[in-house]
């Protein structure tokens, strides 16, 4: 079964993510491109650090080239934001990234990007799925030439994805103010697509997990949240550095750790960047948040008269709005956000540098900036639990939510939001229960004024079935 989730198709390598299945997805994508772009169809293809990602990218490139589509293939490991950036820059019909993002190393995936430089619209993914259905799961009889043959015929054009992307970042981010601030900065690309990038922007950066390792070493799971960032937090507790940032497997998500070794979740990063863009950069526009993001956003938008939109989980919803209207900042709980300063795409490196720029401009540590959020909005603490479930367990949990319960343990439920999953609004707290779109998981998200209350609500939520 080839199923597109919230962010493309993902599967376990050799079991689901095979060359045969990849061929079907690539042919379907090629057929869709030929259908919508008759004159000069082109695609940008990049790949991450995972096992065989380059081989899968080359195979995809050959299949698309066999259909007369010009393929701009990155000549090295590239981040998802780099592929999105070049899809827009080169005026390509679509972008494709061979990556499973933050998933464990046994997964690989196929992300699709729109010509505007962000995740393909849900409607575009539906059209590719229709093309896939037409193929009926049958292996395609393709006559593919060698890479060299396609390169000499200019149908496959290898290119450097980093250099012009870095030039663009240097124009957008004040790297001088960061360097002159004396901030001692630690970066963890988590063995992912952010490797070999940050030193070219900030030569003084200290980096860990910057070598090629498709198994992701002791991290195992390249998502920049605890416990995966424990090695980073341990180093920060030594007091040698002022701030640390981590990016995920394809470098579109961001996590941060302050000078005390405390993890700073993406809710607070979103709030800090919203404040920085609005108050210091004087940027204007609407704010877009997913249903799983902090309620601090509502408070800030109400206070400042900013238009706020709430979407289901998945950055593709945010990207669509960023492409259709003026959006100041938009993003989600999982560490991905886009801003008015950049393409309509998540970018962990860009957003991490923007956070450093804020620290340097305001001359405050990340901890001080977070403490100010507590003063302004009251304490907000958040946790997410991901629970592996069978299909039967998943159905039982979601069925229990659907019954519209009136209480969660000792907490009365004030209202329920079903925009994506089941979000129970409590007094000064909320709990969201939803099934993952990419893994066999139920995710439990909770925000309240203390971690003890968060854990109590999560425990109650996990009893539902």
Protein backbone atom coordinates (compact mmCIF):
# COMPACT_ATOMS: atom_id res chain seq x y z
CA UNK A 1 0.00 0.00 0.00
CA UNK A 2 1.38 3.38 -1.04
CA UNK A 3 -0.32 6.06 1.04
CA UNK A 4 0.49 9.78 1.08
CA UNK A 5 0.34 11.16 4.64
CA UNK A 6 0.52 14.73 5.97
CA UNK A 7 3.88 15.22 4.26
CA UNK A 8 4.30 12.88 1.30
CA UNK A 9 4.79 9.12 1.07
CA UNK A 10 6.89 7.32 3.66
CA UNK A 11 7.64 3.66 4.23
CA UNK A 12 10.04 1.21 5.81
CA UNK A 13 13.04 0.68 3.53
CA UNK A 14 12.99 -2.71 1.73
CA UNK A 15 9.51 -3.56 3.05
CA UNK A 16 7.41 -0.67 1.71
CA UNK A 17 9.94 1.80 0.35
CA UNK A 18 11.28 -0.39 -2.47
CA UNK A 19 12.54 0.43 -5.96
CA UNK A 20 9.35 -1.13 -7.39
CA UNK A 21 7.09 1.09 -5.27
CA UNK A 22 9.31 4.12 -5.89
CA UNK A 23 8.97 3.46 -9.62
CA UNK A 24 5.17 3.57 -9.34
CA UNK A 25 5.24 6.85 -7.37
CA UNK A 26 7.78 8.40 -9.77
CA UNK A 27 5.79 7.35 -12.86
CA UNK A 28 2.56 8.73 -11.32
CA UNK A 29 4.34 11.99 -10.47
CA UNK A 30 5.78 12.18 -13.99
CA UNK A 31 2.36 11.56 -15.55
CA UNK A 32 0.89 14.33 -13.40
CA UNK A 33 3.68 16.75 -14.40
CA UNK A 34 3.17 15.97 -18.11
CA UNK A 35 -0.58 16.50 -17.71
CA UNK A 36 -0.29 19.97 -16.15
CA UNK A 37 2.89 21.25 -17.87
CA UNK A 38 3.02 20.46 -21.54
CA UNK A 39 5.61 22.98 -22.75
CA UNK A 40 8.70 22.94 -20.50
CA UNK A 41 8.19 20.44 -17.68
CA UNK A 42 10.97 20.52 -15.09
CA UNK A 43 11.52 19.15 -11.61
CA UNK A 44 14.11 19.68 -8.85
CA UNK A 45 15.19 16.53 -6.97
CA UNK A 46 17.20 16.43 -3.75
CA UNK A 47 17.98 13.81 -1.11
CA UNK A 48 18.93 13.53 2.57
CA UNK A 49 21.50 11.46 4.50
CA UNK A 50 19.41 8.30 4.82
CA UNK A 51 20.36 4.83 3.63
CA UNK A 52 20.22 4.74 -0.20
CA UNK A 53 18.59 8.18 -0.49
CA UNK A 54 20.97 9.13 -3.30
CA UNK A 55 20.21 5.88 -5.19
CA UNK A 56 16.47 6.48 -4.85
CA UNK A 57 16.92 10.08 -6.05
CA UNK A 58 18.93 8.97 -9.10
CA UNK A 59 16.30 6.34 -9.97
CA UNK A 60 13.52 8.94 -9.68
CA UNK A 61 15.55 11.33 -11.87
CA UNK A 62 16.02 8.68 -14.59
CA UNK A 63 12.32 7.79 -14.61
CA UNK A 64 11.24 11.44 -14.94
CA UNK A 65 13.91 12.12 -17.58
CA UNK A 66 12.59 9.14 -19.58
CA UNK A 67 9.30 11.07 -19.81
CA UNK A 68 11.05 14.10 -21.29
CA UNK A 69 11.01 16.07 -18.04
CA UNK A 70 14.11 18.16 -17.29
CA UNK A 71 15.50 17.12 -13.90
CA UNK A 72 17.67 19.45 -11.80
CA UNK A 73 19.32 16.93 -9.48
CA UNK A 74 21.29 18.16 -6.46
CA UNK A 75 24.91 17.05 -6.67
CA UNK A 76 25.10 16.32 -2.92
CA UNK A 77 22.97 15.90 0.19
CA UNK A 78 20.43 18.73 0.35
CA UNK A 79 17.87 19.93 2.87
CA UNK A 80 14.16 20.09 2.10
CA UNK A 81 14.21 23.93 2.28
CA UNK A 82 17.02 24.00 -0.29
CA UNK A 83 14.94 21.91 -2.71
CA UNK A 84 11.87 24.13 -2.12
CA UNK A 85 14.03 27.25 -2.66
CA UNK A 86 15.41 25.96 -5.97
CA UNK A 87 12.01 24.70 -7.18
CA UNK A 88 10.84 28.31 -7.01
CA UNK A 89 14.12 29.83 -8.27
CA UNK A 90 14.29 27.56 -11.33
CA UNK A 91 10.59 27.87 -12.13
CA UNK A 92 10.21 24.08 -11.92
CA UNK A 93 6.81 22.40 -12.05
CA UNK A 94 7.45 20.44 -8.85
CA UNK A 95 10.22 19.61 -6.38
CA UNK A 96 10.89 16.14 -4.95
CA UNK A 97 12.90 15.31 -1.84
CA UNK A 98 13.91 11.76 -1.02
CA UNK A 99 13.64 11.96 2.77
CA UNK A 100 11.67 10.59 5.70
CA UNK A 101 12.31 13.82 7.59
CA UNK A 102 12.37 13.11 11.36
CA UNK A 103 11.33 9.43 11.16
CA UNK A 104 13.61 6.64 12.47
CA UNK A 105 16.40 5.39 10.14
CA UNK A 106 14.45 2.37 8.84
CA UNK A 107 12.16 4.78 6.94
CA UNK A 108 12.59 6.69 3.73
CA UNK A 109 10.16 8.89 1.88
CA UNK A 110 9.13 10.98 -1.10
CA UNK A 111 8.13 14.60 -0.39
CA UNK A 112 6.53 16.72 -3.10
CA UNK A 113 7.05 20.48 -3.36
CA UNK A 114 5.03 23.07 -5.27
CA UNK A 115 6.38 25.51 -7.86
CA UNK A 116 5.91 28.35 -5.34
CA UNK A 117 8.64 26.98 -3.03
CA UNK A 118 6.65 25.13 -0.35
CA UNK A 119 4.85 21.82 0.28
CA UNK A 120 2.61 20.75 -2.59
CA UNK A 121 -1.04 21.61 -2.05
CA UNK A 122 -3.29 18.80 -0.77
CA UNK A 123 -5.14 19.03 -4.11
CA UNK A 124 -1.89 18.37 -6.00
CA UNK A 125 -1.15 15.31 -3.86
CA UNK A 126 -4.70 14.05 -4.58
CA UNK A 127 -4.00 14.35 -8.32
CA UNK A 128 -0.74 12.36 -7.99
CA UNK A 129 -2.66 9.71 -6.00
CA UNK A 130 -5.21 9.51 -8.84
CA UNK A 131 -2.38 8.89 -11.33
CA UNK A 132 -1.05 6.22 -8.95
CA UNK A 133 -4.45 4.48 -8.87
CA UNK A 134 -4.49 4.33 -12.67
CA UNK A 135 -1.28 2.27 -12.58
CA UNK A 136 -3.05 -0.40 -10.52
CA UNK A 137 0.08 -1.36 -8.61
CA UNK A 138 1.53 -3.08 -11.72
CA UNK A 139 5.28 -2.76 -12.45
CA UNK A 140 5.84 -0.41 -15.37
CA UNK A 141 7.75 -1.44 -18.48
CA UNK A 142 10.27 1.39 -18.69
CA UNK A 143 13.29 1.74 -20.94
CA UNK A 144 15.74 3.82 -18.91
CA UNK A 145 19.05 5.14 -20.19
CA UNK A 146 22.16 5.58 -18.05
CA UNK A 147 22.69 8.68 -15.92
CA UNK A 148 25.57 9.74 -18.16
CA UNK A 149 23.35 9.52 -21.22
CA UNK A 150 20.65 11.71 -19.63
CA UNK A 151 23.28 14.18 -18.38
CA UNK A 152 24.91 14.51 -21.82
CA UNK A 153 21.42 15.01 -23.30
CA UNK A 154 20.76 17.79 -20.70
CA UNK A 155 17.66 16.01 -19.39
CA UNK A 156 19.35 15.48 -16.01
CA UNK A 157 21.31 18.54 -14.83
CA UNK A 158 23.30 18.10 -11.60
CA UNK A 159 23.71 21.36 -9.65
CA UNK A 160 25.04 22.75 -6.36
CA UNK A 161 21.98 23.35 -4.13
CA UNK A 162 23.91 25.02 -1.29
CA UNK A 163 25.77 28.00 -2.71
CA UNK A 164 22.92 30.20 -3.95
CA UNK A 165 20.79 29.18 -0.95
CA UNK A 166 23.58 30.39 1.38
CA UNK A 167 23.91 33.64 -0.59
CA UNK A 168 20.17 34.19 -0.11
CA UNK A 169 20.41 33.57 3.67
CA UNK A 170 23.32 36.04 3.97
CA UNK A 171 21.04 38.72 2.48
CA UNK A 172 18.13 37.94 4.81
CA UNK A 173 19.84 37.31 8.18
CA UNK A 174 22.18 39.79 9.90
CA UNK A 175 25.07 37.38 10.40
CA UNK A 176 27.35 40.28 11.46
CA UNK A 177 25.21 41.14 14.48
CA UNK A 178 25.31 37.45 15.51
CA UNK A 179 29.09 37.17 15.11
CA UNK A 180 29.80 40.50 16.83
CA UNK A 181 27.54 39.59 19.78
CA UNK A 182 30.06 37.00 20.98
CA UNK A 183 27.28 34.38 21.38
CA UNK A 184 28.90 30.96 21.76
CA UNK A 185 26.70 28.80 19.59
CA UNK A 186 26.38 25.00 19.35
CA UNK A 187 24.69 23.31 16.40
CA UNK A 188 23.41 19.73 16.09
CA UNK A 189 22.29 18.69 12.57
CA UNK A 190 21.45 15.26 14.07
CA UNK A 191 23.43 13.54 11.26
CA UNK A 192 20.80 14.92 8.87
CA UNK A 193 20.73 17.17 5.81
CA UNK A 194 21.94 20.21 7.81
CA UNK A 195 25.51 18.84 7.80
CA UNK A 196 28.20 20.88 5.99
CA UNK A 197 26.06 24.04 6.04
CA UNK A 198 26.22 26.08 9.26
CA UNK A 199 30.04 26.55 9.28
CA UNK A 200 29.77 28.25 5.89
CA UNK A 201 27.53 30.90 7.49
CA UNK A 202 29.05 31.18 10.99
CA UNK A 203 32.63 29.84 10.97
CA UNK A 204 32.90 29.95 14.78
CA UNK A 205 30.03 27.52 15.34
CA UNK A 206 30.76 24.32 17.27
CA UNK A 207 29.01 21.33 15.72
CA UNK A 208 28.18 17.81 16.90
CA UNK A 209 26.78 14.90 14.84
CA UNK A 210 27.98 16.59 11.66
CA UNK A 211 29.34 13.52 9.88
CA UNK A 212 27.53 11.20 7.47
CA UNK A 213 25.76 8.44 9.44
CA UNK A 214 22.57 6.94 7.91
CA UNK A 215 21.73 5.15 11.19
CA UNK A 216 21.76 8.50 13.07
CA UNK A 217 24.22 7.13 15.64
CA UNK A 218 23.21 7.30 19.30
CA UNK A 219 20.33 9.68 18.41
CA UNK A 220 18.49 7.00 16.45
CA UNK A 221 15.58 9.30 15.72
CA UNK A 222 16.46 12.66 14.10
CA UNK A 223 13.62 14.72 15.57
CA UNK A 224 14.86 17.72 17.59
CA UNK A 225 12.91 17.02 20.79
CA UNK A 226 13.80 15.17 24.03
CA UNK A 227 15.00 12.48 24.46
CA UNK A 228 16.71 12.71 21.04
CA UNK A 229 18.47 15.97 21.98
CA UNK A 230 19.81 14.64 25.31
CA UNK A 231 23.45 14.64 24.05
CA UNK A 232 23.01 18.32 23.15
CA UNK A 233 21.41 19.14 26.52
CA UNK A 234 24.26 17.37 28.37
CA UNK A 235 26.88 19.47 26.54
CA UNK A 236 24.92 22.65 27.28
CA UNK A 237 24.94 21.81 31.01
CA UNK A 238 28.74 22.22 30.99
CA UNK A 239 28.21 25.99 30.64
CA UNK A 240 30.59 26.35 27.67
CA UNK A 241 27.92 27.62 25.27
CA UNK A 242 25.19 30.27 25.31
CA UNK A 243 22.66 28.52 23.09
CA UNK A 244 22.22 25.38 21.00
CA UNK A 245 19.96 24.63 18.08
CA UNK A 246 19.18 21.29 16.43
CA UNK A 247 17.60 20.53 13.05
CA UNK A 248 15.88 17.30 12.02
CA UNK A 249 16.71 14.74 9.32
CA UNK A 250 15.87 17.01 6.40
CA UNK A 251 16.66 20.27 8.27
CA UNK A 252 13.20 21.86 8.05
CA UNK A 253 12.40 21.57 11.79
CA UNK A 254 14.07 23.35 14.68
CA UNK A 255 14.69 22.62 18.36
CA UNK A 256 16.65 24.77 20.84
CA UNK A 257 18.40 24.38 24.19
CA UNK A 258 19.22 27.32 26.49
CA UNK A 259 22.44 27.98 28.40
CA UNK A 260 21.25 25.93 31.40
CA UNK A 261 20.71 22.80 29.29
CA UNK A 262 16.92 23.24 29.27
CA UNK A 263 15.05 22.29 26.10
CA UNK A 264 13.00 25.15 24.62
CA UNK A 265 9.97 23.75 22.83
CA UNK A 266 8.71 24.89 19.45
CA UNK A 267 5.73 26.72 21.00
CA UNK A 268 8.08 29.19 22.66
CA UNK A 269 10.28 29.44 19.57
CA UNK A 270 7.17 30.30 17.53
CA UNK A 271 6.16 32.96 20.06
CA UNK A 272 9.65 34.48 20.21
CA UNK A 273 9.93 34.73 16.44
CA UNK A 274 6.38 36.14 16.17
CA UNK A 275 7.31 38.84 18.71
CA UNK A 276 10.64 39.56 16.99
CA UNK A 277 9.09 39.91 13.53
CA UNK A 278 6.24 42.10 14.79
CA UNK A 279 8.02 44.22 17.41
CA UNK A 280 11.63 44.54 16.15
CA UNK A 281 11.43 43.85 12.43
CA UNK A 282 8.10 45.73 12.15
CA UNK A 283 6.74 43.12 9.75
CA UNK A 284 2.98 42.79 9.28
CA UNK A 285 0.58 40.07 8.16
CA UNK A 286 -1.78 37.37 9.38
CA UNK A 287 -0.72 34.59 11.75
CA UNK A 288 -1.41 30.92 10.97
CA UNK A 289 -1.18 28.15 13.57
CA UNK A 290 -2.06 24.48 13.59
CA UNK A 291 -4.58 23.13 16.09
CA UNK A 292 -1.67 21.67 18.11
CA UNK A 293 0.17 24.95 18.73
CA UNK A 294 0.22 26.97 21.98
CA UNK A 295 -2.71 29.14 23.08
CA UNK A 296 -0.18 31.96 23.71
CA UNK A 297 -0.60 32.72 19.99
CA UNK A 298 -4.29 33.59 20.44
CA UNK A 299 -3.47 35.84 23.40
CA UNK A 300 -0.78 37.74 21.46
CA UNK A 301 -2.90 38.13 18.32
CA UNK A 302 -5.90 39.39 20.33
CA UNK A 303 -3.69 41.88 22.19
CA UNK A 304 -2.13 43.25 18.99
CA UNK A 305 -5.14 43.02 16.66
CA UNK A 306 -3.52 40.42 14.40
CA UNK A 307 -5.69 38.21 12.20
CA UNK A 308 -5.32 34.56 13.26
CA UNK A 309 -6.15 31.41 11.27
CA UNK A 310 -6.12 27.86 12.70
CA UNK A 311 -5.46 24.85 10.43
CA UNK A 312 -5.22 21.06 10.74
CA UNK A 313 -1.75 19.59 11.47
CA UNK A 314 0.59 19.59 8.45
CA UNK A 315 2.60 22.53 7.15
CA UNK A 316 1.05 22.13 3.69
CA UNK A 317 -2.06 23.93 5.02
CA UNK A 318 0.08 26.83 6.31
CA UNK A 319 2.10 26.99 3.08
CA UNK A 320 -1.06 27.28 0.98
CA UNK A 321 -2.19 30.29 3.04
CA UNK A 322 1.31 31.83 2.89
CA UNK A 323 1.13 31.57 -0.88
CA UNK A 324 -2.35 33.08 -1.12
CA UNK A 325 -2.21 35.93 1.41
CA UNK A 326 0.23 38.04 3.42
CA UNK A 327 1.25 35.83 6.36
CA UNK A 328 3.65 37.15 9.00
CA UNK A 329 4.38 33.72 10.49
CA UNK A 330 2.79 30.31 10.28
CA UNK A 331 3.64 26.97 11.75
CA UNK A 332 3.06 23.94 13.87
CA UNK A 333 3.93 22.28 17.15
CA UNK A 334 6.50 19.92 15.64
CA UNK A 335 9.23 22.54 15.21
CA UNK A 336 8.36 23.72 11.71
CA UNK A 337 7.44 27.30 10.88
CA UNK A 338 7.61 29.70 7.96
CA UNK A 339 7.94 33.48 8.01
CA UNK A 340 7.25 36.44 5.74
CA UNK A 341 11.05 36.81 5.33
CA UNK A 342 11.49 33.51 3.47
CA UNK A 343 9.82 31.12 1.02
CA UNK A 344 6.53 29.54 2.24
CA UNK A 345 8.43 26.63 3.76
CA UNK A 346 9.76 25.41 7.09
CA UNK A 347 13.49 25.93 7.42
CA UNK A 348 15.27 24.90 10.62
CA UNK A 349 18.56 26.58 9.70
CA UNK A 350 16.97 29.87 8.63
CA UNK A 351 14.70 30.00 11.70
CA UNK A 352 17.56 29.03 14.04
CA UNK A 353 19.62 31.93 12.69
CA UNK A 354 16.62 34.27 13.10
CA UNK A 355 16.44 33.20 16.76
CA UNK A 356 20.18 33.96 17.18
CA UNK A 357 19.64 37.33 15.50
CA UNK A 358 16.87 38.08 18.04
CA UNK A 359 19.17 37.19 20.95
CA UNK A 360 21.95 39.38 19.52
CA UNK A 361 19.61 42.30 18.75
CA UNK A 362 17.85 42.26 22.12
CA UNK A 363 21.11 41.40 23.95
CA UNK A 364 19.33 38.70 25.96
CA UNK A 365 19.86 34.99 26.50
CA UNK A 366 17.30 32.47 25.27
CA UNK A 367 16.38 31.77 28.90
CA UNK A 368 15.71 35.47 29.55
CA UNK A 369 13.54 35.69 26.44
CA UNK A 370 11.55 32.62 27.54
CA UNK A 371 11.15 33.96 31.08
CA UNK A 372 9.66 37.12 29.55
CA UNK A 373 7.02 34.95 27.82
CA UNK A 374 5.98 33.56 31.24
CA UNK A 375 5.66 37.10 32.58
CA UNK A 376 3.64 38.31 29.57
CA UNK A 377 1.30 35.32 29.10
CA UNK A 378 1.48 33.34 32.34
CA UNK A 379 3.19 29.97 32.53
CA UNK A 380 2.47 27.65 29.61
CA UNK A 381 4.01 24.18 29.61
CA UNK A 382 3.61 21.57 26.92
CA UNK A 383 4.31 17.87 26.34
CA UNK A 384 3.53 15.42 23.56
CA UNK A 385 3.39 11.66 23.96
CA UNK A 386 3.57 9.39 20.92
CA UNK A 387 2.10 5.94 21.56
CA UNK A 388 2.60 3.03 19.13
CA UNK A 389 -0.76 1.36 18.53
CA UNK A 390 -2.36 -1.38 16.48
CA UNK A 391 -5.19 -0.49 14.09
CA UNK A 392 -7.73 -1.92 16.57
CA UNK A 393 -6.32 0.16 19.45
CA UNK A 394 -6.28 3.27 17.26
CA UNK A 395 -9.95 2.83 16.32
CA UNK A 396 -10.96 2.22 19.96
CA UNK A 397 -9.20 5.39 21.20
CA UNK A 398 -10.66 7.58 18.43
CA UNK A 399 -14.14 6.07 18.97
CA UNK A 400 -13.96 6.94 22.70
CA UNK A 401 -13.03 10.54 21.79
CA UNK A 402 -15.93 10.76 19.35
CA UNK A 403 -18.41 10.06 22.18
CA UNK A 404 -17.87 13.64 23.34
CA UNK A 405 -17.00 12.97 27.03
CA UNK A 406 -17.87 15.66 29.59
CA UNK A 407 -14.79 15.15 31.80
CA UNK A 408 -11.16 14.09 31.66
CA UNK A 409 -10.61 12.68 35.16
CA UNK A 410 -11.18 15.62 37.51
CA UNK A 411 -11.16 18.18 34.68
CA UNK A 412 -14.48 19.31 33.13
CA UNK A 413 -14.36 19.58 29.32
CA UNK A 414 -15.51 23.07 28.29
CA UNK A 415 -15.63 22.44 24.54
CA UNK A 416 -14.31 20.11 21.83
CA UNK A 417 -12.54 21.10 18.60
CA UNK A 418 -12.53 18.48 15.80
CA UNK A 419 -10.56 20.41 13.17
CA UNK A 420 -7.92 17.67 13.25
CA UNK A 421 -8.35 14.82 15.72
CA UNK A 422 -10.08 15.63 19.01
CA UNK A 423 -9.04 18.69 20.99
CA UNK A 424 -10.58 18.96 24.46
CA UNK A 425 -10.58 22.50 25.85
CA UNK A 426 -10.26 22.54 29.67
CA UNK A 427 -9.85 25.43 32.10
CA UNK A 428 -6.39 26.94 31.39
CA UNK A 429 -5.42 23.76 29.51
CA UNK A 430 -6.13 21.64 26.44
CA UNK A 431 -5.55 18.08 25.25
CA UNK A 432 -5.38 17.03 21.60
CA UNK A 433 -5.63 13.36 20.54
CA UNK A 434 -4.95 12.54 16.91
CA UNK A 435 -3.57 9.74 14.75
CA UNK A 436 -0.21 10.33 13.04
CA UNK A 437 -0.38 10.71 9.28
CA UNK A 438 3.02 9.07 8.71
CA UNK A 439 3.51 6.40 11.43
CA UNK A 440 1.36 3.82 13.35
CA UNK A 441 1.00 6.22 16.30
CA UNK A 442 -1.56 8.06 18.34
CA UNK A 443 -0.24 11.44 19.43
CA UNK A 444 -1.36 13.03 22.69
CA UNK A 445 -0.62 16.78 22.94
CA UNK A 446 -1.25 18.81 26.08
CA UNK A 447 -0.69 22.36 27.30
CA UNK A 448 -1.37 23.64 30.85
CA UNK A 449 0.15 26.01 33.43
CA UNK A 450 2.42 23.36 35.00
CA UNK A 451 4.13 20.17 33.89
CA UNK A 452 2.47 18.21 36.71
CA UNK A 453 -0.96 19.22 35.39
CA UNK A 454 0.15 18.42 31.81
CA UNK A 455 1.21 14.92 32.86
CA UNK A 456 -2.01 14.33 34.81
CA UNK A 457 -4.13 15.33 31.79
CA UNK A 458 -2.01 13.17 29.46
CA UNK A 459 -2.45 10.18 31.81
CA UNK A 460 -6.23 10.68 31.72
CA UNK A 461 -6.22 11.02 27.94
CA UNK A 462 -4.28 7.77 27.52
CA UNK A 463 -6.96 5.90 29.50
CA UNK A 464 -9.51 6.61 26.78
CA UNK A 465 -10.50 3.56 24.71
